Amino acid sequence: MLHHVELWVPDLPRAARAWGWLLTRLGYEPYQDWEHGRSWRLGPTYLVVEQSPALSGDRHDRLRPGLNHLAFHAGSRDEVDALAAEAPAHGWTPLFADRYPHAGGPQHYAAYLTNADGFEVELVAEVRQ
C-alpha cells in the first residue's frame, strides 16, 4: 500500500488551493500544515505539496522522465462529470477534452486535468457491473 506522495511545487498557495479543492472533493482531509507545505490524508495514505527551498525549477513537466500523472478513484460517472465541470474554477484545465470521457479508451471513463504547475491527474469512474 502506498504510504505517501510528495510533490514539490513552485507556488505553495496556488498549489494548496488547487490540490486542496481536488483532494477534499475526493474525500481526503487536511492532515499537516507547515511553512513550506500542506498535506491531505485518506486512510493511511497522504499527499504532500511542498515549496522546498531546494527546488531547482519552476514547473513540472509530465512529458519528461519522472512522474507523468496521478490517477484517483473518483466515484461514479456522474461524480467524475461533476468534478470535471467544477475543476476549471479551481485551477485545473481539461486535457484531451475532445475525447472526454473516453480519452483512455472506450471502456475507460475518466477526466484528465492539468494544473498551472504542469501536474496531471486522472479522475477514474468506478466500473459499472
Foldseek 3Di string as FASTA:
>chain_A
DAQEEEAEAQDAVLCCQQVVVVVVLQPWAWDDDDDFWTWTDDPRYIYMYGHDPPDDDHADALPDPDHNAAEDAQEALVRQVVCQVCNVVRFKDWDPVVCAQAPVHDQWGWTWIAGPRGYIYIHTYDHDD
